């Protein structure tokens, strides 16, 4: 069963440029992963520090494999230093 996911990321203003580079790297790498159906990055027009991912994965198992990728773990490690708050992750069902 497919997994539909939205992630909201809010960088600290002084780290927005660094975060954008990391997020763009995540897009490039994630799109190459088997089982990735969609991986899009958006930026809030009203707040340049807020980024939103929209993702579709083939299955929960594939998403779990994605979450173990070194580039994603490296991003998780910088959360306390460079983000305003932990990312908000919303898993959804397609209706």
PDB file of N, CA and C in Angstrom:
ATOM      1  N   UNK A   1       0.836  -1.173   0.000  1.00  0.00           N
ATOM      2  CA  UNK A   1       0.000   0.000   0.000  1.00  0.00           C
ATOM      3  C   UNK A   1       0.886   1.244   0.000  1.00  0.00           C
ATOM      4  N   UNK A   2       0.571   2.207  -0.842  1.00  0.00           N
ATOM      5  CA  UNK A   2       1.367   3.427  -0.962  1.00  0.00           C
ATOM      6  C   UNK A   2       1.292   4.264   0.313  1.00  0.00           C
ATOM      7  N   UNK A   3       2.376   5.003   0.540  1.00  0.00           N
ATOM      8  CA  UNK A   3       2.444   5.925   1.670  1.00  0.00           C
ATOM      9  C   UNK A   3       2.549   7.340   1.117  1.00  0.00           C
ATOM     10  N   UNK A   4       1.643   8.203   1.544  1.00  0.00           N
ATOM     11  CA  UNK A   4       1.623   9.617   1.168  1.00  0.00           C
ATOM     12  C   UNK A   4       2.071  10.399   2.387  1.00  0.00           C
ATOM     13  N   UNK A   5       3.065  11.238   2.215  1.00  0.00           N
ATOM     14  CA  UNK A   5       3.680  11.891   3.358  1.00  0.00           C
ATOM     15  C   UNK A   5       3.940  13.359   3.057  1.00  0.00           C
ATOM     16  N   UNK A   6       3.683  14.185   4.043  1.00  0.00           N
ATOM     17  CA  UNK A   6       4.048  15.596   3.991  1.00  0.00           C
ATOM     18  C   UNK A   6       4.952  15.868   5.188  1.00  0.00           C
ATOM     19  N   UNK A   7       6.035  16.579   4.956  1.00  0.00           N
ATOM     20  CA  UNK A   7       6.951  16.960   6.040  1.00  0.00           C
ATOM     21  C   UNK A   7       7.139  18.469   5.994  1.00  0.00           C
ATOM     22  N   UNK A   8       6.975  19.104   7.148  1.00  0.00           N
ATOM     23  CA  UNK A   8       7.140  20.552   7.262  1.00  0.00           C
ATOM     24  C   UNK A   8       8.397  20.827   8.070  1.00  0.00           C
ATOM     25  N   UNK A   9       9.303  21.601   7.484  1.00  0.00           N
ATOM     26  CA  UNK A   9      10.612  21.868   8.080  1.00  0.00           C
ATOM     27  C   UNK A   9      10.786  23.369   8.201  1.00  0.00           C
ATOM     28  N   UNK A  10      11.135  23.821   9.405  1.00  0.00           N
ATOM     29  CA  UNK A  10      11.321  25.253   9.646  1.00  0.00           C
ATOM     30  C   UNK A  10      12.752  25.492  10.114  1.00  0.00           C
ATOM     31  N   UNK A  11      13.537  26.093   9.241  1.00  0.00           N
ATOM     32  CA  UNK A  11      14.938  26.363   9.581  1.00  0.00           C
ATOM     33  C   UNK A  11      15.049  27.626  10.431  1.00  0.00           C
ATOM     34  N   UNK A  12      16.095  27.666  11.217  1.00  0.00           N
ATOM     35  CA  UNK A  12      16.431  28.912  11.893  1.00  0.00           C
ATOM     36  C   UNK A  12      16.910  29.871  10.803  1.00  0.00           C
ATOM     37  N   UNK A  13      16.543  31.150  10.892  1.00  0.00           N
ATOM     38  CA  UNK A  13      16.884  32.091   9.808  1.00  0.00           C
ATOM     39  C   UNK A  13      18.367  32.100   9.444  1.00  0.00           C
ATOM     40  N   UNK A  14      19.223  31.987  10.416  1.00  0.00           N
ATOM     41  CA  UNK A  14      20.658  32.038  10.133  1.00  0.00           C
ATOM     42  C   UNK A  14      21.182  30.770   9.446  1.00  0.00           C
ATOM     43  N   UNK A  15      20.350  29.727   9.364  1.00  0.00           N
ATOM     44  CA  UNK A  15      20.765  28.462   8.743  1.00  0.00           C
ATOM     45  C   UNK A  15      19.950  28.119   7.496  1.00  0.00           C
ATOM     46  N   UNK A  16      19.108  29.028   7.045  1.00  0.00           N
ATOM     47  CA  UNK A  16      18.211  28.717   5.923  1.00  0.00           C
ATOM     48  C   UNK A  16      18.970  28.313   4.664  1.00  0.00           C
ATOM     49  N   UNK A  17      20.032  28.997   4.338  1.00  0.00           N
ATOM     50  CA  UNK A  17      20.795  28.659   3.133  1.00  0.00           C
ATOM     51  C   UNK A  17      21.378  27.255   3.244  1.00  0.00           C
ATOM     52  N   UNK A  18      21.960  26.927   4.397  1.00  0.00           N
ATOM     53  CA  UNK A  18      22.517  25.578   4.613  1.00  0.00           C
ATOM     54  C   UNK A  18      21.430  24.515   4.531  1.00  0.00           C
ATOM     55  N   UNK A  19      20.291  24.796   5.145  1.00  0.00           N
ATOM     56  CA  UNK A  19      19.190  23.832   5.140  1.00  0.00           C
ATOM     57  C   UNK A  19      18.686  23.617   3.716  1.00  0.00           C
ATOM     58  N   UNK A  20      18.550  24.679   2.944  1.00  0.00           N
ATOM     59  CA  UNK A  20      18.086  24.538   1.569  1.00  0.00           C
ATOM     60  C   UNK A  20      19.011  23.623   0.772  1.00  0.00           C
ATOM     61  N   UNK A  21      20.302  23.783   0.928  1.00  0.00           N
ATOM     62  CA  UNK A  21      21.263  22.918   0.220  1.00  0.00           C
ATOM     63  C   UNK A  21      21.080  21.463   0.647  1.00  0.00           C
ATOM     64  N   UNK A  22      20.931  21.229   1.940  1.00  0.00           N
ATOM     65  CA  UNK A  22      20.727  19.858   2.443  1.00  0.00           C
ATOM     66  C   UNK A  22      19.420  19.262   1.901  1.00  0.00           C
ATOM     67  N   UNK A  23      18.356  20.065   1.897  1.00  0.00           N
ATOM     68  CA  UNK A  23      17.071  19.565   1.417  1.00  0.00           C
ATOM     69  C   UNK A  23      17.112  19.260  -0.074  1.00  0.00           C
ATOM     70  N   UNK A  24      17.775  20.105  -0.850  1.00  0.00           N
ATOM     71  CA  UNK A  24      17.907  19.838  -2.283  1.00  0.00           C
ATOM     72  C   UNK A  24      18.710  18.568  -2.535  1.00  0.00           C
ATOM     73  N   UNK A  25      19.709  18.311  -1.700  1.00  0.00           N
ATOM     74  CA  UNK A  25      20.479  17.073  -1.785  1.00  0.00           C
ATOM     75  C   UNK A  25      19.584  15.869  -1.459  1.00  0.00           C
ATOM     76  N   UNK A  26      18.713  16.035  -0.463  1.00  0.00           N
ATOM     77  CA  UNK A  26      17.786  14.958  -0.122  1.00  0.00           C
ATOM     78  C   UNK A  26      16.857  14.650  -1.298  1.00  0.00           C
ATOM     79  N   UNK A  27      16.406  15.677  -1.993  1.00  0.00           N
ATOM     80  CA  UNK A  27      15.541  15.473  -3.158  1.00  0.00           C
ATOM     81  C   UNK A  27      16.280  14.664  -4.223  1.00  0.00           C
ATOM     82  N   UNK A  28      17.482  15.088  -4.543  1.00  0.00           N
ATOM     83  CA  UNK A  28      18.258  14.402  -5.587  1.00  0.00           C
ATOM     84  C   UNK A  28      18.486  12.934  -5.234  1.00  0.00           C
ATOM     85  N   UNK A  29      18.853  12.665  -3.994  1.00  0.00           N
ATOM     86  CA  UNK A  29      19.116  11.286  -3.577  1.00  0.00           C
ATOM     87  C   UNK A  29      17.841  10.463  -3.436  1.00  0.00           C
ATOM     88  N   UNK A  30      16.808  11.054  -2.874  1.00  0.00           N
ATOM     89  CA  UNK A  30      15.565  10.311  -2.644  1.00  0.00           C
ATOM     90  C   UNK A  30      14.901   9.903  -3.949  1.00  0.00           C
ATOM     91  N   UNK A  31      14.964  10.758  -4.935  1.00  0.00           N
ATOM     92  CA  UNK A  31      14.346  10.436  -6.221  1.00  0.00           C
ATOM     93  C   UNK A  31      15.015   9.250  -6.905  1.00  0.00           C
ATOM     94  N   UNK A  32      16.245   8.936  -6.521  1.00  0.00           N
ATOM     95  CA  UNK A  32      16.971   7.798  -7.090  1.00  0.00           C
ATOM     96  C   UNK A  32      16.636   6.492  -6.380  1.00  0.00           C
ATOM     97  N   UNK A  33      16.009   6.568  -5.215  1.00  0.00           N
ATOM     98  CA  UNK A  33      15.739   5.356  -4.434  1.00  0.00           C
ATOM     99  C   UNK A  33      14.642   4.525  -5.083  1.00  0.00           C
ATOM    100  N   UNK A  34      14.833   3.190  -5.076  1.00  0.00           N
ATOM    101  CA  UNK A  34      13.767   2.330  -5.571  1.00  0.00           C
ATOM    102  C   UNK A  34      12.528   2.499  -4.684  1.00  0.00           C
ATOM    103  N   UNK A  35      11.374   2.538  -5.294  1.00  0.00           N
ATOM    104  CA  UNK A  35      10.138   2.646  -4.529  1.00  0.00           C
ATOM    105  C   UNK A  35       9.701   4.064  -4.251  1.00  0.00           C
ATOM    106  N   UNK A  36      10.505   5.042  -4.668  1.00  0.00           N
ATOM    107  CA  UNK A  36      10.094   6.437  -4.537  1.00  0.00           C
ATOM    108  C   UNK A  36       9.269   6.803  -5.766  1.00  0.00           C
ATOM    109  N   UNK A  37       8.047   7.224  -5.529  1.00  0.00           N
ATOM    110  CA  UNK A  37       7.155   7.590  -6.626  1.00  0.00           C
ATOM    111  C   UNK A  37       7.087   9.098  -6.833  1.00  0.00           C
ATOM    112  N   UNK A  38       7.286   9.848  -5.769  1.00  0.00           N
ATOM    113  CA  UNK A  38       7.287  11.308  -5.865  1.00  0.00           C
ATOM    114  C   UNK A  38       8.010  11.867  -4.652  1.00  0.00           C
ATOM    115  N   UNK A  39       8.794  12.921  -4.873  1.00  0.00           N
ATOM    116  CA  UNK A  39       9.543  13.556  -3.782  1.00  0.00           C
ATOM    117  C   UNK A  39       9.761  15.012  -4.184  1.00  0.00           C
ATOM    118  N   UNK A  40       8.870  15.870  -3.745  1.00  0.00           N
ATOM    119  CA  UNK A  40       8.904  17.269  -4.155  1.00  0.00           C
ATOM    120  C   UNK A  40       9.145  18.169  -2.953  1.00  0.00           C
ATOM    121  N   UNK A  41       9.952  19.191  -3.168  1.00  0.00           N
ATOM    122  CA  UNK A  41      10.260  20.173  -2.134  1.00  0.00           C
ATOM    123  C   UNK A  41       9.621  21.499  -2.504  1.00  0.00           C
ATOM    124  N   UNK A  42       8.980  22.120  -1.522  1.00  0.00           N
ATOM    125  CA  UNK A  42       8.326  23.415  -1.711  1.00  0.00           C
ATOM    126  C   UNK A  42       8.831  24.380  -0.649  1.00  0.00           C
ATOM    127  N   UNK A  43       8.698  25.675  -0.940  1.00  0.00           N
ATOM    128  CA  UNK A  43       9.070  26.713   0.019  1.00  0.00           C
ATOM    129  C   UNK A  43       7.874  27.635   0.217  1.00  0.00           C
ATOM    130  N   UNK A  44       7.596  27.959   1.458  1.00  0.00           N
ATOM    131  CA  UNK A  44       6.485  28.845   1.799  1.00  0.00           C
ATOM    132  C   UNK A  44       6.762  30.236   1.239  1.00  0.00           C
ATOM    133  N   UNK A  45       5.822  30.789   0.481  1.00  0.00           N
ATOM    134  CA  UNK A  45       5.993  32.128  -0.105  1.00  0.00           C
ATOM    135  C   UNK A  45       6.011  33.218   0.967  1.00  0.00           C
ATOM    136  N   UNK A  46       5.335  32.992   2.078  1.00  0.00           N
ATOM    137  CA  UNK A  46       5.253  34.002   3.132  1.00  0.00           C
ATOM    138  C   UNK A  46       6.386  33.890   4.152  1.00  0.00           C
ATOM    139  N   UNK A  47       7.071  32.736   4.182  1.00  0.00           N
ATOM    140  CA  UNK A  47       8.141  32.517   5.171  1.00  0.00           C
ATOM    141  C   UNK A  47       9.246  31.693   4.516  1.00  0.00           C
ATOM    142  N   UNK A  48      10.328  32.353   4.128  1.00  0.00           N
ATOM    143  CA  UNK A  48      11.436  31.676   3.436  1.00  0.00           C
ATOM    144  C   UNK A  48      12.128  30.616   4.269  1.00  0.00           C
ATOM    145  N   UNK A  49      11.836  30.560   5.562  1.00  0.00           N
ATOM    146  CA  UNK A  49      12.454  29.575   6.444  1.00  0.00           C
ATOM    147  C   UNK A  49      11.645  28.280   6.538  1.00  0.00           C
ATOM    148  N   UNK A  50      10.483  28.243   5.885  1.00  0.00           N
ATOM    149  CA  UNK A  50       9.617  27.069   5.972  1.00  0.00           C
ATOM    150  C   UNK A  50       9.610  26.317   4.642  1.00  0.00           C
ATOM    151  N   UNK A  51       9.908  25.024   4.745  1.00  0.00           N
ATOM    152  CA  UNK A  51       9.962  24.134   3.589  1.00  0.00           C
ATOM    153  C   UNK A  51       8.976  22.990   3.800  1.00  0.00           C
ATOM    154  N   UNK A  52       8.408  22.513   2.700  1.00  0.00           N
ATOM    155  CA  UNK A  52       7.453  21.417   2.779  1.00  0.00           C
ATOM    156  C   UNK A  52       7.811  20.370   1.727  1.00  0.00           C
ATOM    157  N   UNK A  53       7.943  19.128   2.187  1.00  0.00           N
ATOM    158  CA  UNK A  53       8.118  17.997   1.282  1.00  0.00           C
ATOM    159  C   UNK A  53       6.766  17.350   1.048  1.00  0.00           C
ATOM    160  N   UNK A  54       6.522  16.926  -0.179  1.00  0.00           N
ATOM    161  CA  UNK A  54       5.405  16.043  -0.478  1.00  0.00           C
ATOM    162  C   UNK A  54       6.005  14.805  -1.103  1.00  0.00           C
ATOM    163  N   UNK A  55       5.717  13.652  -0.491  1.00  0.00           N
ATOM    164  CA  UNK A  55       6.351  12.404  -0.900  1.00  0.00           C
ATOM    165  C   UNK A  55       5.305  11.321  -1.110  1.00  0.00           C
ATOM    166  N   UNK A  56       5.598  10.422  -2.046  1.00  0.00           N
ATOM    167  CA  UNK A  56       4.813   9.202  -2.209  1.00  0.00           C
ATOM    168  C   UNK A  56       5.801   8.045  -2.317  1.00  0.00           C
ATOM    169  N   UNK A  57       5.570   7.036  -1.495  1.00  0.00           N
ATOM    170  CA  UNK A  57       6.413   5.831  -1.462  1.00  0.00           C
ATOM    171  C   UNK A  57       5.549   4.619  -1.772  1.00  0.00           C
ATOM    172  N   UNK A  58       6.152   3.605  -2.378  1.00  0.00           N
ATOM    173  CA  UNK A  58       5.411   2.395  -2.754  1.00  0.00           C
ATOM    174  C   UNK A  58       4.834   1.655  -1.555  1.00  0.00           C
ATOM    175  N   UNK A  59       5.536   1.687  -0.403  1.00  0.00           N
ATOM    176  CA  UNK A  59       5.076   0.922   0.755  1.00  0.00           C
ATOM    177  C   UNK A  59       5.724   1.453   2.032  1.00  0.00           C
ATOM    178  N   UNK A  60       5.181   1.013   3.145  1.00  0.00           N
ATOM    179  CA  UNK A  60       5.746   1.356   4.452  1.00  0.00           C
ATOM    180  C   UNK A  60       7.169   0.822   4.558  1.00  0.00           C
ATOM    181  N   UNK A  61       7.400  -0.366   4.022  1.00  0.00           N
ATOM    182  CA  UNK A  61       8.734  -0.967   4.080  1.00  0.00           C
ATOM    183  C   UNK A  61       9.758  -0.143   3.301  1.00  0.00           C
ATOM    184  N   UNK A  62       9.359   0.336   2.132  1.00  0.00           N
ATOM    185  CA  UNK A  62      10.251   1.174   1.318  1.00  0.00           C
ATOM    186  C   UNK A  62      10.545   2.482   2.047  1.00  0.00           C
ATOM    187  N   UNK A  63       9.541   3.076   2.665  1.00  0.00           N
ATOM    188  CA  UNK A  63       9.744   4.305   3.439  1.00  0.00           C
ATOM    189  C   UNK A  63      10.702   4.053   4.593  1.00  0.00           C
ATOM    190  N   UNK A  64      10.575   2.912   5.244  1.00  0.00           N
ATOM    191  CA  UNK A  64      11.486   2.568   6.342  1.00  0.00           C
ATOM    192  C   UNK A  64      12.928   2.469   5.841  1.00  0.00           C
ATOM    193  N   UNK A  65      13.121   1.911   4.653  1.00  0.00           N
ATOM    194  CA  UNK A  65      14.465   1.845   4.063  1.00  0.00           C
ATOM    195  C   UNK A  65      14.982   3.252   3.771  1.00  0.00           C
ATOM    196  N   UNK A  66      14.120   4.113   3.263  1.00  0.00           N
ATOM    197  CA  UNK A  66      14.496   5.504   3.007  1.00  0.00           C
ATOM    198  C   UNK A  66      14.978   6.177   4.291  1.00  0.00           C
ATOM    199  N   UNK A  67      14.269   5.943   5.371  1.00  0.00           N
ATOM    200  CA  UNK A  67      14.607   6.575   6.646  1.00  0.00           C
ATOM    201  C   UNK A  67      15.954   6.120   7.201  1.00  0.00           C
ATOM    202  N   UNK A  68      16.509   5.057   6.659  1.00  0.00           N
ATOM    203  CA  UNK A  68      17.816   4.549   7.096  1.00  0.00           C
ATOM    204  C   UNK A  68      18.969   5.043   6.224  1.00  0.00           C
ATOM    205  N   UNK A  69      18.671   5.825   5.193  1.00  0.00           N
ATOM    206  CA  UNK A  69      19.718   6.307   4.293  1.00  0.00           C
ATOM    207  C   UNK A  69      20.662   7.259   5.035  1.00  0.00           C
ATOM    208  N   UNK A  70      21.970   7.179   4.778  1.00  0.00           N
ATOM    209  CA  UNK A  70      22.940   8.029   5.484  1.00  0.00           C
ATOM    210  C   UNK A  70      22.668   9.524   5.334  1.00  0.00           C
ATOM    211  N   UNK A  71      22.243   9.971   4.169  1.00  0.00           N
ATOM    212  CA  UNK A  71      22.002  11.401   3.987  1.00  0.00           C
ATOM    213  C   UNK A  71      20.800  11.878   4.807  1.00  0.00           C
ATOM    214  N   UNK A  72      19.830  10.998   5.018  1.00  0.00           N
ATOM    215  CA  UNK A  72      18.680  11.373   5.841  1.00  0.00           C
ATOM    216  C   UNK A  72      19.063  11.378   7.319  1.00  0.00           C
ATOM    217  N   UNK A  73      19.849  10.397   7.733  1.00  0.00           N
ATOM    218  CA  UNK A  73      20.322  10.367   9.122  1.00  0.00           C
ATOM    219  C   UNK A  73      21.194  11.582   9.429  1.00  0.00           C
ATOM    220  N   UNK A  74      22.000  12.008   8.467  1.00  0.00           N
ATOM    221  CA  UNK A  74      22.839  13.201   8.661  1.00  0.00           C
ATOM    222  C   UNK A  74      21.964  14.433   8.856  1.00  0.00           C
ATOM    223  N   UNK A  75      20.849  14.499   8.124  1.00  0.00           N
ATOM    224  CA  UNK A  75      19.922  15.619   8.304  1.00  0.00           C
ATOM    225  C   UNK A  75      19.305  15.589   9.701  1.00  0.00           C
ATOM    226  N   UNK A  76      18.900  14.425  10.142  1.00  0.00           N
ATOM    227  CA  UNK A  76      18.296  14.289  11.476  1.00  0.00           C
ATOM    228  C   UNK A  76      19.266  14.775  12.553  1.00  0.00           C
ATOM    229  N   UNK A  77      20.548  14.531  12.359  1.00  0.00           N
ATOM    230  CA  UNK A  77      21.555  14.939  13.346  1.00  0.00           C
ATOM    231  C   UNK A  77      21.662  16.451  13.520  1.00  0.00           C
ATOM    232  N   UNK A  78      21.315  17.228  12.506  1.00  0.00           N
ATOM    233  CA  UNK A  78      21.460  18.688  12.600  1.00  0.00           C
ATOM    234  C   UNK A  78      20.183  19.392  13.071  1.00  0.00           C
ATOM    235  N   UNK A  79      19.125  18.634  13.284  1.00  0.00           N
ATOM    236  CA  UNK A  79      17.841  19.236  13.666  1.00  0.00           C
ATOM    237  C   UNK A  79      17.951  20.160  14.877  1.00  0.00           C
ATOM    238  N   UNK A  80      18.543  19.724  15.988  1.00  0.00           N
ATOM    239  CA  UNK A  80      18.569  20.622  17.159  1.00  0.00           C
ATOM    240  C   UNK A  80      19.323  21.933  16.906  1.00  0.00           C
ATOM    241  N   UNK A  81      20.346  21.869  16.085  1.00  0.00           N
ATOM    242  CA  UNK A  81      21.183  23.050  15.845  1.00  0.00           C
ATOM    243  C   UNK A  81      20.588  24.010  14.811  1.00  0.00           C
ATOM    244  N   UNK A  82      19.990  23.476  13.742  1.00  0.00           N
ATOM    245  CA  UNK A  82      19.656  24.327  12.599  1.00  0.00           C
ATOM    246  C   UNK A  82      18.170  24.528  12.331  1.00  0.00           C
ATOM    247  N   UNK A  83      17.310  23.794  13.040  1.00  0.00           N
ATOM    248  CA  UNK A  83      15.870  23.961  12.823  1.00  0.00           C
ATOM    249  C   UNK A  83      15.216  24.629  14.021  1.00  0.00           C
ATOM    250  N   UNK A  84      14.129  25.346  13.761  1.00  0.00           N
ATOM    251  CA  UNK A  84      13.383  26.005  14.831  1.00  0.00           C
ATOM    252  C   UNK A  84      12.698  24.996  15.741  1.00  0.00           C
ATOM    253  N   UNK A  85      12.316  23.861  15.169  1.00  0.00           N
ATOM    254  CA  UNK A  85      11.580  22.818  15.886  1.00  0.00           C
ATOM    255  C   UNK A  85      11.740  21.527  15.104  1.00  0.00           C
ATOM    256  N   UNK A  86      11.426  20.387  15.711  1.00  0.00           N
ATOM    257  CA  UNK A  86      11.482  19.138  14.942  1.00  0.00           C
ATOM    258  C   UNK A  86      10.522  19.190  13.753  1.00  0.00           C
ATOM    259  N   UNK A  87      10.868  18.531  12.663  1.00  0.00           N
ATOM    260  CA  UNK A  87       9.960  18.499  11.513  1.00  0.00           C
ATOM    261  C   UNK A  87       8.599  17.916  11.896  1.00  0.00           C
ATOM    262  N   UNK A  88       7.570  18.415  11.257  1.00  0.00           N
ATOM    263  CA  UNK A  88       6.223  17.858  11.416  1.00  0.00           C
ATOM    264  C   UNK A  88       6.035  16.883  10.268  1.00  0.00           C
ATOM    265  N   UNK A  89       5.773  15.624  10.591  1.00  0.00           N
ATOM    266  CA  UNK A  89       5.594  14.581   9.584  1.00  0.00           C
ATOM    267  C   UNK A  89       4.133  14.149   9.605  1.00  0.00           C
ATOM    268  N   UNK A  90       3.479  14.222   8.456  1.00  0.00           N
ATOM    269  CA  UNK A  90       2.067  13.835   8.353  1.00  0.00           C
ATOM    270  C   UNK A  90       1.964  12.718   7.325  1.00  0.00           C
ATOM    271  N   UNK A  91       1.560  11.523   7.794  1.00  0.00           N
ATOM    272  CA  UNK A  91       1.305  10.406   6.879  1.00  0.00           C
ATOM    273  C   UNK A  91      -0.190  10.419   6.567  1.00  0.00           C
ATOM    274  N   UNK A  92      -0.509  10.279   5.281  1.00  0.00           N
ATOM    275  CA  UNK A  92      -1.895  10.457   4.856  1.00  0.00           C
ATOM    276  C   UNK A  92      -2.368   9.267   4.024  1.00  0.00           C
ATOM    277  N   UNK A  93      -3.688   9.166   3.915  1.00  0.00           N
ATOM    278  CA  UNK A  93      -4.319   8.238   2.990  1.00  0.00           C
ATOM    279  C   UNK A  93      -4.872   9.039   1.826  1.00  0.00           C
ATOM    280  N   UNK A  94      -4.767   8.489   0.645  1.00  0.00           N
ATOM    281  CA  UNK A  94      -5.385   9.095  -0.530  1.00  0.00           C
ATOM    282  C   UNK A  94      -6.861   8.728  -0.523  1.00  0.00           C
ATOM    283  N   UNK A  95      -7.699   9.711  -0.658  1.00  0.00           N
ATOM    284  CA  UNK A  95      -9.157   9.470  -0.643  1.00  0.00           C
ATOM    285  C   UNK A  95      -9.729   9.528  -2.045  1.00  0.00           C
TER     286      UNK A  95
END
